[in-house]
Amino acid sequence: MEVLREFYEALLQSSFFRILILLFIALFVLKLIFKRRVKLQTDSEILFSASRKRECSEYDIFKEAASEWSFSESKVKADFKAYLETGNIPRYVLDYAKKVLERK
């Protein structure tokens, strides 16, 4: 136990250790600053942006995404209803919306 205490006190007196601590603090602060500057779109924003780019409704994006997978109209209606109630977007719709946004 005494050895650990001596080691701890030696670390506190070490300038290298102090520089290392300051470096970690600086990296943490930079990470926080960068995280606030980079705004990631939520799934709902991606769906909205895709519908604006295509100049159609969000429901139309659901239908177009479902047509690529040959899903039935009843599945589209059920998924869209669930989206309106919960805000959860099915993976196939989100992937399609991202593809729409990537196109030029």
PDB file of N, CA and C in Angstrom:
ATOM      1  N   MET A   1       0.823  -1.190   0.000  1.00  0.00           N
ATOM      2  CA  MET A   1       0.000   0.000   0.000  1.00  0.00           C
ATOM      3  C   MET A   1       0.868   1.255   0.000  1.00  0.00           C
ATOM      4  N   GLU A   2       1.937   1.185   0.764  1.00  0.00           N
ATOM      5  CA  GLU A   2       2.855   2.325   0.847  1.00  0.00           C
ATOM      6  C   GLU A   2       3.536   2.582  -0.497  1.00  0.00           C
ATOM      7  N   VAL A   3       3.799   1.514  -1.224  1.00  0.00           N
ATOM      8  CA  VAL A   3       4.440   1.641  -2.535  1.00  0.00           C
ATOM      9  C   VAL A   3       3.518   2.383  -3.495  1.00  0.00           C
ATOM     10  N   LEU A   4       2.249   2.064  -3.448  1.00  0.00           N
ATOM     11  CA  LEU A   4       1.286   2.744  -4.314  1.00  0.00           C
ATOM     12  C   LEU A   4       1.182   4.224  -3.974  1.00  0.00           C
ATOM     13  N   ARG A   5       1.220   4.514  -2.708  1.00  0.00           N
ATOM     14  CA  ARG A   5       1.139   5.914  -2.288  1.00  0.00           C
ATOM     15  C   ARG A   5       2.364   6.698  -2.766  1.00  0.00           C
ATOM     16  N   GLU A   6       3.539   6.106  -2.650  1.00  0.00           N
ATOM     17  CA  GLU A   6       4.763   6.760  -3.120  1.00  0.00           C
ATOM     18  C   GLU A   6       4.719   6.954  -4.634  1.00  0.00           C
ATOM     19  N   PHE A   7       4.221   5.945  -5.335  1.00  0.00           N
ATOM     20  CA  PHE A   7       4.102   6.046  -6.790  1.00  0.00           C
ATOM     21  C   PHE A   7       3.134   7.166  -7.173  1.00  0.00           C
ATOM     22  N   TYR A   8       2.019   7.250  -6.483  1.00  0.00           N
ATOM     23  CA  TYR A   8       1.025   8.292  -6.737  1.00  0.00           C
ATOM     24  C   TYR A   8       1.617   9.683  -6.501  1.00  0.00           C
ATOM     25  N   GLU A   9       2.342   9.851  -5.417  1.00  0.00           N
ATOM     26  CA  GLU A   9       2.957  11.146  -5.123  1.00  0.00           C
ATOM     27  C   GLU A   9       4.025  11.497  -6.149  1.00  0.00           C
ATOM     28  N   ALA A  10       4.761  10.491  -6.613  1.00  0.00           N
ATOM     29  CA  ALA A  10       5.775  10.729  -7.646  1.00  0.00           C
ATOM     30  C   ALA A  10       5.116  11.158  -8.949  1.00  0.00           C
ATOM     31  N   LEU A  11       3.987  10.546  -9.275  1.00  0.00           N
ATOM     32  CA  LEU A  11       3.263  10.932 -10.490  1.00  0.00           C
ATOM     33  C   LEU A  11       2.775  12.370 -10.409  1.00  0.00           C
ATOM     34  N   LEU A  12       2.270  12.754  -9.262  1.00  0.00           N
ATOM     35  CA  LEU A  12       1.768  14.118  -9.105  1.00  0.00           C
ATOM     36  C   LEU A  12       2.873  15.152  -9.261  1.00  0.00           C
ATOM     37  N   GLN A  13       4.072  14.804  -8.897  1.00  0.00           N
ATOM     38  CA  GLN A  13       5.189  15.733  -9.004  1.00  0.00           C
ATOM     39  C   GLN A  13       5.818  15.718 -10.389  1.00  0.00           C
ATOM     40  N   SER A  14       5.499  14.730 -11.192  1.00  0.00           N
ATOM     41  CA  SER A  14       6.084  14.588 -12.525  1.00  0.00           C
ATOM     42  C   SER A  14       5.448  15.580 -13.498  1.00  0.00           C
ATOM     43  N   SER A  15       6.290  16.326 -14.209  1.00  0.00           N
ATOM     44  CA  SER A  15       5.768  17.272 -15.201  1.00  0.00           C
ATOM     45  C   SER A  15       5.169  16.527 -16.392  1.00  0.00           C
ATOM     46  N   PHE A  16       5.727  15.357 -16.728  1.00  0.00           N
ATOM     47  CA  PHE A  16       5.175  14.556 -17.820  1.00  0.00           C
ATOM     48  C   PHE A  16       3.732  14.153 -17.512  1.00  0.00           C
ATOM     49  N   PHE A  17       3.486  13.741 -16.290  1.00  0.00           N
ATOM     50  CA  PHE A  17       2.145  13.336 -15.880  1.00  0.00           C
ATOM     51  C   PHE A  17       1.179  14.512 -15.962  1.00  0.00           C
ATOM     52  N   ARG A  18       1.616  15.677 -15.542  1.00  0.00           N
ATOM     53  CA  ARG A  18       0.771  16.873 -15.618  1.00  0.00           C
ATOM     54  C   ARG A  18       0.444  17.221 -17.062  1.00  0.00           C
ATOM     55  N   ILE A  19       1.442  17.124 -17.934  1.00  0.00           N
ATOM     56  CA  ILE A  19       1.214  17.407 -19.358  1.00  0.00           C
ATOM     57  C   ILE A  19       0.235  16.396 -19.939  1.00  0.00           C
ATOM     58  N   LEU A  20       0.394  15.150 -19.549  1.00  0.00           N
ATOM     59  CA  LEU A  20      -0.504  14.101 -20.030  1.00  0.00           C
ATOM     60  C   LEU A  20      -1.945  14.362 -19.598  1.00  0.00           C
ATOM     61  N   ILE A  21      -2.144  14.751 -18.366  1.00  0.00           N
ATOM     62  CA  ILE A  21      -3.487  15.071 -17.868  1.00  0.00           C
ATOM     63  C   ILE A  21      -4.068  16.258 -18.632  1.00  0.00           C
ATOM     64  N   LEU A  22      -3.271  17.303 -18.836  1.00  0.00           N
ATOM     65  CA  LEU A  22      -3.744  18.475 -19.586  1.00  0.00           C
ATOM     66  C   LEU A  22      -4.095  18.108 -21.023  1.00  0.00           C
ATOM     67  N   LEU A  23      -3.316  17.211 -21.614  1.00  0.00           N
ATOM     68  CA  LEU A  23      -3.601  16.768 -22.977  1.00  0.00           C
ATOM     69  C   LEU A  23      -4.940  16.036 -23.043  1.00  0.00           C
ATOM     70  N   PHE A  24      -5.200  15.163 -22.090  1.00  0.00           N
ATOM     71  CA  PHE A  24      -6.482  14.456 -22.059  1.00  0.00           C
ATOM     72  C   PHE A  24      -7.650  15.422 -21.864  1.00  0.00           C
ATOM     73  N   ILE A  25      -7.475  16.403 -21.015  1.00  0.00           N
ATOM     74  CA  ILE A  25      -8.532  17.399 -20.808  1.00  0.00           C
ATOM     75  C   ILE A  25      -8.772  18.187 -22.086  1.00  0.00           C
ATOM     76  N   ALA A  26      -7.695  18.584 -22.767  1.00  0.00           N
ATOM     77  CA  ALA A  26      -7.829  19.334 -24.020  1.00  0.00           C
ATOM     78  C   ALA A  26      -8.539  18.503 -25.082  1.00  0.00           C
ATOM     79  N   LEU A  27      -8.192  17.228 -25.192  1.00  0.00           N
ATOM     80  CA  LEU A  27      -8.854  16.356 -26.169  1.00  0.00           C
ATOM     81  C   LEU A  27     -10.336  16.196 -25.857  1.00  0.00           C
ATOM     82  N   PHE A  28     -10.665  16.084 -24.594  1.00  0.00           N
ATOM     83  CA  PHE A  28     -12.062  15.957 -24.187  1.00  0.00           C
ATOM     84  C   PHE A  28     -12.850  17.215 -24.548  1.00  0.00           C
ATOM     85  N   VAL A  29     -12.274  18.377 -24.290  1.00  0.00           N
ATOM     86  CA  VAL A  29     -12.941  19.647 -24.615  1.00  0.00           C
ATOM     87  C   VAL A  29     -13.105  19.788 -26.126  1.00  0.00           C
ATOM     88  N   LEU A  30     -12.071  19.441 -26.891  1.00  0.00           N
ATOM     89  CA  LEU A  30     -12.171  19.511 -28.353  1.00  0.00           C
ATOM     90  C   LEU A  30     -13.251  18.570 -28.880  1.00  0.00           C
ATOM     91  N   LYS A  31     -13.354  17.400 -28.279  1.00  0.00           N
ATOM     92  CA  LYS A  31     -14.393  16.454 -28.694  1.00  0.00           C
ATOM     93  C   LYS A  31     -15.779  17.041 -28.457  1.00  0.00           C
ATOM     94  N   LEU A  32     -15.977  17.680 -27.317  1.00  0.00           N
ATOM     95  CA  LEU A  32     -17.270  18.303 -27.026  1.00  0.00           C
ATOM     96  C   LEU A  32     -17.583  19.425 -28.011  1.00  0.00           C
ATOM     97  N   ILE A  33     -16.588  20.248 -28.306  1.00  0.00           N
ATOM     98  CA  ILE A  33     -16.791  21.357 -29.247  1.00  0.00           C
ATOM     99  C   ILE A  33     -17.130  20.818 -30.625  1.00  0.00           C
ATOM    100  N   PHE A  34     -16.388  19.818 -31.096  1.00  0.00           N
ATOM    101  CA  PHE A  34     -16.626  19.257 -32.419  1.00  0.00           C
ATOM    102  C   PHE A  34     -17.994  18.598 -32.498  1.00  0.00           C
ATOM    103  N   LYS A  35     -18.385  17.915 -31.434  1.00  0.00           N
ATOM    104  CA  LYS A  35     -19.676  17.233 -31.424  1.00  0.00           C
ATOM    105  C   LYS A  35     -20.822  18.228 -31.565  1.00  0.00           C
ATOM    106  N   ARG A  36     -20.677  19.390 -30.974  1.00  0.00           N
ATOM    107  CA  ARG A  36     -21.732  20.397 -31.074  1.00  0.00           C
ATOM    108  C   ARG A  36     -21.763  21.048 -32.447  1.00  0.00           C
ATOM    109  N   ARG A  37     -20.620  21.126 -33.116  1.00  0.00           N
ATOM    110  CA  ARG A  37     -20.581  21.754 -34.441  1.00  0.00           C
ATOM    111  C   ARG A  37     -21.129  20.841 -35.523  1.00  0.00           C
ATOM    112  N   VAL A  38     -20.903  19.555 -35.389  1.00  0.00           N
ATOM    113  CA  VAL A  38     -21.369  18.599 -36.382  1.00  0.00           C
ATOM    114  C   VAL A  38     -22.784  18.186 -36.005  1.00  0.00           C
ATOM    115  N   LYS A  39     -23.740  18.567 -36.839  1.00  0.00           N
ATOM    116  CA  LYS A  39     -25.134  18.243 -36.558  1.00  0.00           C
ATOM    117  C   LYS A  39     -25.522  17.035 -37.394  1.00  0.00           C
ATOM    118  N   LEU A  40     -25.827  15.974 -36.737  1.00  0.00           N
ATOM    119  CA  LEU A  40     -26.264  14.775 -37.423  1.00  0.00           C
ATOM    120  C   LEU A  40     -27.776  14.824 -37.591  1.00  0.00           C
ATOM    121  N   GLN A  41     -28.234  14.374 -38.744  1.00  0.00           N
ATOM    122  CA  GLN A  41     -29.669  14.357 -38.988  1.00  0.00           C
ATOM    123  C   GLN A  41     -30.305  13.163 -38.286  1.00  0.00           C
ATOM    124  N   THR A  42     -31.468  13.404 -37.724  1.00  0.00           N
ATOM    125  CA  THR A  42     -32.231  12.298 -37.159  1.00  0.00           C
ATOM    126  C   THR A  42     -32.889  11.539 -38.304  1.00  0.00           C
ATOM    127  N   ASP A  43     -33.408  10.364 -37.999  1.00  0.00           N
ATOM    128  CA  ASP A  43     -34.078   9.566 -39.026  1.00  0.00           C
ATOM    129  C   ASP A  43     -35.259  10.325 -39.623  1.00  0.00           C
ATOM    130  N   SER A  44     -36.009  11.018 -38.787  1.00  0.00           N
ATOM    131  CA  SER A  44     -37.160  11.784 -39.279  1.00  0.00           C
ATOM    132  C   SER A  44     -36.715  12.906 -40.210  1.00  0.00           C
ATOM    133  N   GLU A  45     -35.593  13.544 -39.882  1.00  0.00           N
ATOM    134  CA  GLU A  45     -35.075  14.613 -40.745  1.00  0.00           C
ATOM    135  C   GLU A  45     -34.603  14.062 -42.083  1.00  0.00           C
ATOM    136  N   ILE A  46     -34.030  12.869 -42.070  1.00  0.00           N
ATOM    137  CA  ILE A  46     -33.601  12.237 -43.322  1.00  0.00           C
ATOM    138  C   ILE A  46     -34.814  11.951 -44.194  1.00  0.00           C
ATOM    139  N   LEU A  47     -35.866  11.399 -43.599  1.00  0.00           N
ATOM    140  CA  LEU A  47     -37.091  11.113 -44.349  1.00  0.00           C
ATOM    141  C   LEU A  47     -37.702  12.398 -44.893  1.00  0.00           C
ATOM    142  N   PHE A  48     -37.765  13.428 -44.064  1.00  0.00           N
ATOM    143  CA  PHE A  48     -38.316  14.716 -44.488  1.00  0.00           C
ATOM    144  C   PHE A  48     -37.494  15.309 -45.636  1.00  0.00           C
ATOM    145  N   SER A  49     -36.173  15.283 -45.506  1.00  0.00           N
ATOM    146  CA  SER A  49     -35.303  15.840 -46.547  1.00  0.00           C
ATOM    147  C   SER A  49     -35.465  15.090 -47.863  1.00  0.00           C
ATOM    148  N   ALA A  50     -35.593  13.776 -47.782  1.00  0.00           N
ATOM    149  CA  ALA A  50     -35.782  12.980 -48.999  1.00  0.00           C
ATOM    150  C   ALA A  50     -37.108  13.320 -49.668  1.00  0.00           C
ATOM    151  N   SER A  51     -38.145  13.504 -48.877  1.00  0.00           N
ATOM    152  CA  SER A  51     -39.447  13.844 -49.466  1.00  0.00           C
ATOM    153  C   SER A  51     -39.419  15.239 -50.083  1.00  0.00           C
ATOM    154  N   ARG A  52     -38.680  16.162 -49.491  1.00  0.00           N
ATOM    155  CA  ARG A  52     -38.566  17.514 -50.068  1.00  0.00           C
ATOM    156  C   ARG A  52     -37.752  17.476 -51.355  1.00  0.00           C
ATOM    157  N   LYS A  53     -36.708  16.662 -51.372  1.00  0.00           N
ATOM    158  CA  LYS A  53     -35.883  16.568 -52.576  1.00  0.00           C
ATOM    159  C   LYS A  53     -36.681  15.972 -53.729  1.00  0.00           C
ATOM    160  N   ARG A  54     -37.491  14.974 -53.432  1.00  0.00           N
ATOM    161  CA  ARG A  54     -38.306  14.334 -54.470  1.00  0.00           C
ATOM    162  C   ARG A  54     -39.594  15.100 -54.748  1.00  0.00           C
ATOM    163  N   GLU A  55     -39.860  16.123 -53.928  1.00  0.00           N
ATOM    164  CA  GLU A  55     -41.090  16.919 -54.037  1.00  0.00           C
ATOM    165  C   GLU A  55     -42.327  16.026 -53.959  1.00  0.00           C
ATOM    166  N   CYS A  56     -42.338  15.204 -52.926  1.00  0.00           N
ATOM    167  CA  CYS A  56     -43.468  14.307 -52.701  1.00  0.00           C
ATOM    168  C   CYS A  56     -43.697  14.200 -51.196  1.00  0.00           C
ATOM    169  N   SER A  57     -44.693  13.443 -50.830  1.00  0.00           N
ATOM    170  CA  SER A  57     -44.993  13.279 -49.404  1.00  0.00           C
ATOM    171  C   SER A  57     -44.100  12.199 -48.796  1.00  0.00           C
ATOM    172  N   GLU A  58     -44.080  12.173 -47.486  1.00  0.00           N
ATOM    173  CA  GLU A  58     -43.328  11.124 -46.797  1.00  0.00           C
ATOM    174  C   GLU A  58     -43.965   9.758 -47.061  1.00  0.00           C
ATOM    175  N   TYR A  59     -45.276   9.747 -47.198  1.00  0.00           N
ATOM    176  CA  TYR A  59     -45.961   8.490 -47.517  1.00  0.00           C
ATOM    177  C   TYR A  59     -45.508   7.963 -48.877  1.00  0.00           C
ATOM    178  N   ASP A  60     -45.285   8.876 -49.832  1.00  0.00           N
ATOM    179  CA  ASP A  60     -44.788   8.450 -51.146  1.00  0.00           C
ATOM    180  C   ASP A  60     -43.403   7.812 -51.035  1.00  0.00           C
ATOM    181  N   ILE A  61     -42.577   8.335 -50.142  1.00  0.00           N
ATOM    182  CA  ILE A  61     -41.258   7.729 -49.917  1.00  0.00           C
ATOM    183  C   ILE A  61     -41.433   6.308 -49.378  1.00  0.00           C
ATOM    184  N   PHE A  62     -42.386   6.123 -48.467  1.00  0.00           N
ATOM    185  CA  PHE A  62     -42.679   4.780 -47.958  1.00  0.00           C
ATOM    186  C   PHE A  62     -43.082   3.860 -49.107  1.00  0.00           C
ATOM    187  N   LYS A  63     -43.976   4.346 -49.986  1.00  0.00           N
ATOM    188  CA  LYS A  63     -44.450   3.512 -51.096  1.00  0.00           C
ATOM    189  C   LYS A  63     -43.320   3.170 -52.061  1.00  0.00           C
ATOM    190  N   GLU A  64     -42.464   4.160 -52.381  1.00  0.00           N
ATOM    191  CA  GLU A  64     -41.354   3.906 -53.304  1.00  0.00           C
ATOM    192  C   GLU A  64     -40.360   2.910 -52.706  1.00  0.00           C
ATOM    193  N   ALA A  65     -40.082   3.058 -51.420  1.00  0.00           N
ATOM    194  CA  ALA A  65     -39.158   2.133 -50.756  1.00  0.00           C
ATOM    195  C   ALA A  65     -39.735   0.719 -50.750  1.00  0.00           C
ATOM    196  N   ALA A  66     -41.021   0.614 -50.484  1.00  0.00           N
ATOM    197  CA  ALA A  66     -41.665  -0.700 -50.440  1.00  0.00           C
ATOM    198  C   ALA A  66     -41.700  -1.349 -51.817  1.00  0.00           C
ATOM    199  N   SER A  67     -41.832  -0.538 -52.868  1.00  0.00           N
ATOM    200  CA  SER A  67     -41.875  -1.108 -54.215  1.00  0.00           C
ATOM    201  C   SER A  67     -40.541  -1.748 -54.589  1.00  0.00           C
ATOM    202  N   GLU A  68     -39.442  -1.231 -54.056  1.00  0.00           N
ATOM    203  CA  GLU A  68     -38.142  -1.848 -54.326  1.00  0.00           C
ATOM    204  C   GLU A  68     -38.036  -3.230 -53.691  1.00  0.00           C
ATOM    205  N   TRP A  69     -38.775  -3.454 -52.629  1.00  0.00           N
ATOM    206  CA  TRP A  69     -38.744  -4.730 -51.929  1.00  0.00           C
ATOM    207  C   TRP A  69     -39.981  -5.581 -52.225  1.00  0.00           C
ATOM    208  N   SER A  70     -40.841  -5.090 -53.090  1.00  0.00           N
ATOM    209  CA  SER A  70     -42.084  -5.789 -53.455  1.00  0.00           C
ATOM    210  C   SER A  70     -42.963  -6.058 -52.238  1.00  0.00           C
ATOM    211  N   PHE A  71     -43.028  -5.074 -51.340  1.00  0.00           N
ATOM    212  CA  PHE A  71     -43.908  -5.184 -50.185  1.00  0.00           C
ATOM    213  C   PHE A  71     -45.323  -4.798 -50.599  1.00  0.00           C
ATOM    214  N   SER A  72     -46.296  -5.337 -49.885  1.00  0.00           N
ATOM    215  CA  SER A  72     -47.697  -5.071 -50.204  1.00  0.00           C
ATOM    216  C   SER A  72     -48.113  -3.677 -49.739  1.00  0.00           C
ATOM    217  N   GLU A  73     -49.215  -3.219 -50.312  1.00  0.00           N
ATOM    218  CA  GLU A  73     -49.773  -1.914 -49.929  1.00  0.00           C
ATOM    219  C   GLU A  73     -50.201  -1.918 -48.465  1.00  0.00           C
ATOM    220  N   SER A  74     -50.695  -3.062 -47.995  1.00  0.00           N
ATOM    221  CA  SER A  74     -51.121  -3.135 -46.593  1.00  0.00           C
ATOM    222  C   SER A  74     -49.926  -3.000 -45.642  1.00  0.00           C
ATOM    223  N   LYS A  75     -48.771  -3.537 -46.034  1.00  0.00           N
ATOM    224  CA  LYS A  75     -47.571  -3.378 -45.206  1.00  0.00           C
ATOM    225  C   LYS A  75     -47.146  -1.922 -45.182  1.00  0.00           C
ATOM    226  N   VAL A  76     -47.218  -1.244 -46.331  1.00  0.00           N
ATOM    227  CA  VAL A  76     -46.862   0.173 -46.391  1.00  0.00           C
ATOM    228  C   VAL A  76     -47.772   0.972 -45.464  1.00  0.00           C
ATOM    229  N   LYS A  77     -49.069   0.701 -45.543  1.00  0.00           N
ATOM    230  CA  LYS A  77     -50.016   1.429 -44.690  1.00  0.00           C
ATOM    231  C   LYS A  77     -49.751   1.166 -43.210  1.00  0.00           C
ATOM    232  N   ALA A  78     -49.495  -0.086 -42.873  1.00  0.00           N
ATOM    233  CA  ALA A  78     -49.231  -0.435 -41.469  1.00  0.00           C
ATOM    234  C   ALA A  78     -47.935   0.213 -40.978  1.00  0.00           C
ATOM    235  N   ASP A  79     -46.899   0.180 -41.816  1.00  0.00           N
ATOM    236  CA  ASP A  79     -45.620   0.787 -41.425  1.00  0.00           C
ATOM    237  C   ASP A  79     -45.739   2.300 -41.295  1.00  0.00           C
ATOM    238  N   PHE A  80     -46.488   2.923 -42.214  1.00  0.00           N
ATOM    239  CA  PHE A  80     -46.644   4.374 -42.146  1.00  0.00           C
ATOM    240  C   PHE A  80     -47.479   4.765 -40.922  1.00  0.00           C
ATOM    241  N   LYS A  81     -48.497   3.976 -40.626  1.00  0.00           N
ATOM    242  CA  LYS A  81     -49.306   4.246 -39.434  1.00  0.00           C
ATOM    243  C   LYS A  81     -48.445   4.127 -38.173  1.00  0.00           C
ATOM    244  N   ALA A  82     -47.607   3.101 -38.128  1.00  0.00           N
ATOM    245  CA  ALA A  82     -46.707   2.926 -36.979  1.00  0.00           C
ATOM    246  C   ALA A  82     -45.729   4.090 -36.883  1.00  0.00           C
ATOM    247  N   TYR A  83     -45.264   4.585 -38.035  1.00  0.00           N
ATOM    248  CA  TYR A  83     -44.361   5.742 -38.046  1.00  0.00           C
ATOM    249  C   TYR A  83     -45.058   6.972 -37.467  1.00  0.00           C
ATOM    250  N   LEU A  84     -46.307   7.188 -37.850  1.00  0.00           N
ATOM    251  CA  LEU A  84     -47.046   8.344 -37.335  1.00  0.00           C
ATOM    252  C   LEU A  84     -47.298   8.234 -35.833  1.00  0.00           C
ATOM    253  N   GLU A  85     -47.516   7.020 -35.363  1.00  0.00           N
ATOM    254  CA  GLU A  85     -47.811   6.818 -33.944  1.00  0.00           C
ATOM    255  C   GLU A  85     -46.565   6.830 -33.063  1.00  0.00           C
ATOM    256  N   THR A  86     -45.477   6.261 -33.559  1.00  0.00           N
ATOM    257  CA  THR A  86     -44.290   6.091 -32.713  1.00  0.00           C
ATOM    258  C   THR A  86     -43.079   6.900 -33.163  1.00  0.00           C
ATOM    259  N   GLY A  87     -43.061   7.273 -34.442  1.00  0.00           N
ATOM    260  CA  GLY A  87     -41.893   7.979 -34.977  1.00  0.00           C
ATOM    261  C   GLY A  87     -40.807   7.039 -35.459  1.00  0.00           C
ATOM    262  N   ASN A  88     -41.024   5.736 -35.325  1.00  0.00           N
ATOM    263  CA  ASN A  88     -40.035   4.755 -35.781  1.00  0.00           C
ATOM    264  C   ASN A  88     -40.167   4.532 -37.280  1.00  0.00           C
ATOM    265  N   ILE A  89     -39.041   4.638 -37.975  1.00  0.00           N
ATOM    266  CA  ILE A  89     -39.024   4.470 -39.424  1.00  0.00           C
ATOM    267  C   ILE A  89     -38.422   3.105 -39.735  1.00  0.00           C
ATOM    268  N   PRO A  90     -39.113   2.296 -40.537  1.00  0.00           N
ATOM    269  CA  PRO A  90     -38.558   0.984 -40.896  1.00  0.00           C
ATOM    270  C   PRO A  90     -37.218   1.142 -41.620  1.00  0.00           C
ATOM    271  N   ARG A  91     -36.358   0.158 -41.450  1.00  0.00           N
ATOM    272  CA  ARG A  91     -35.013   0.210 -42.026  1.00  0.00           C
ATOM    273  C   ARG A  91     -35.059   0.353 -43.551  1.00  0.00           C
ATOM    274  N   TYR A  92     -35.972  -0.346 -44.220  1.00  0.00           N
ATOM    275  CA  TYR A  92     -36.013  -0.275 -45.677  1.00  0.00           C
ATOM    276  C   TYR A  92     -36.372   1.131 -46.159  1.00  0.00           C
ATOM    277  N   VAL A  93     -37.204   1.838 -45.405  1.00  0.00           N
ATOM    278  CA  VAL A  93     -37.576   3.211 -45.775  1.00  0.00           C
ATOM    279  C   VAL A  93     -36.403   4.153 -45.526  1.00  0.00           C
ATOM    280  N   LEU A  94     -35.750   3.990 -44.405  1.00  0.00           N
ATOM    281  CA  LEU A  94     -34.615   4.849 -44.077  1.00  0.00           C
ATOM    282  C   LEU A  94     -33.474   4.661 -45.073  1.00  0.00           C
ATOM    283  N   ASP A  95     -33.193   3.423 -45.433  1.00  0.00           N
ATOM    284  CA  ASP A  95     -32.144   3.170 -46.424  1.00  0.00           C
ATOM    285  C   ASP A  95     -32.497   3.801 -47.766  1.00  0.00           C
ATOM    286  N   TYR A  96     -33.754   3.695 -48.164  1.00  0.00           N
ATOM    287  CA  TYR A  96     -34.185   4.299 -49.421  1.00  0.00           C
ATOM    288  C   TYR A  96     -34.071   5.824 -49.358  1.00  0.00           C
ATOM    289  N   ALA A  97     -34.472   6.415 -48.247  1.00  0.00           N
ATOM    290  CA  ALA A  97     -34.391   7.874 -48.095  1.00  0.00           C
ATOM    291  C   ALA A  97     -32.943   8.346 -48.177  1.00  0.00           C
ATOM    292  N   LYS A  98     -32.025   7.595 -47.584  1.00  0.00           N
ATOM    293  CA  LYS A  98     -30.604   7.949 -47.665  1.00  0.00           C
ATOM    294  C   LYS A  98     -30.101   7.865 -49.101  1.00  0.00           C
ATOM    295  N   LYS A  99     -30.563   6.856 -49.843  1.00  0.00           N
ATOM    296  CA  LYS A  99     -30.175   6.739 -51.255  1.00  0.00           C
ATOM    297  C   LYS A  99     -30.688   7.927 -52.054  1.00  0.00           C
ATOM    298  N   VAL A 100     -31.902   8.361 -51.767  1.00  0.00           N
ATOM    299  CA  VAL A 100     -32.470   9.529 -52.456  1.00  0.00           C
ATOM    300  C   VAL A 100     -31.605  10.756 -52.203  1.00  0.00           C
ATOM    301  N   LEU A 101     -31.170  10.938 -50.981  1.00  0.00           N
ATOM    302  CA  LEU A 101     -30.358  12.109 -50.637  1.00  0.00           C
ATOM    303  C   LEU A 101     -28.959  12.032 -51.237  1.00  0.00           C
ATOM    304  N   GLU A 102     -28.445  10.818 -51.455  1.00  0.00           N
ATOM    305  CA  GLU A 102     -27.107  10.665 -52.033  1.00  0.00           C
ATOM    306  C   GLU A 102     -27.098  10.921 -53.533  1.00  0.00           C
ATOM    307  N   ARG A 103     -28.226  10.733 -54.185  1.00  0.00           N
ATOM    308  CA  ARG A 103     -28.302  10.965 -55.639  1.00  0.00           C
ATOM    309  C   ARG A 103     -28.157  12.441 -55.944  1.00  0.00           C
ATOM    310  N   LYS A 104     -27.578  12.707 -57.108  1.00  0.00           N
ATOM    311  CA  LYS A 104     -27.409  14.117 -57.504  1.00  0.00           C
ATOM    312  C   LYS A 104     -28.521  14.589 -58.387  1.00  0.00           C
TER     313      LYS A 104
END
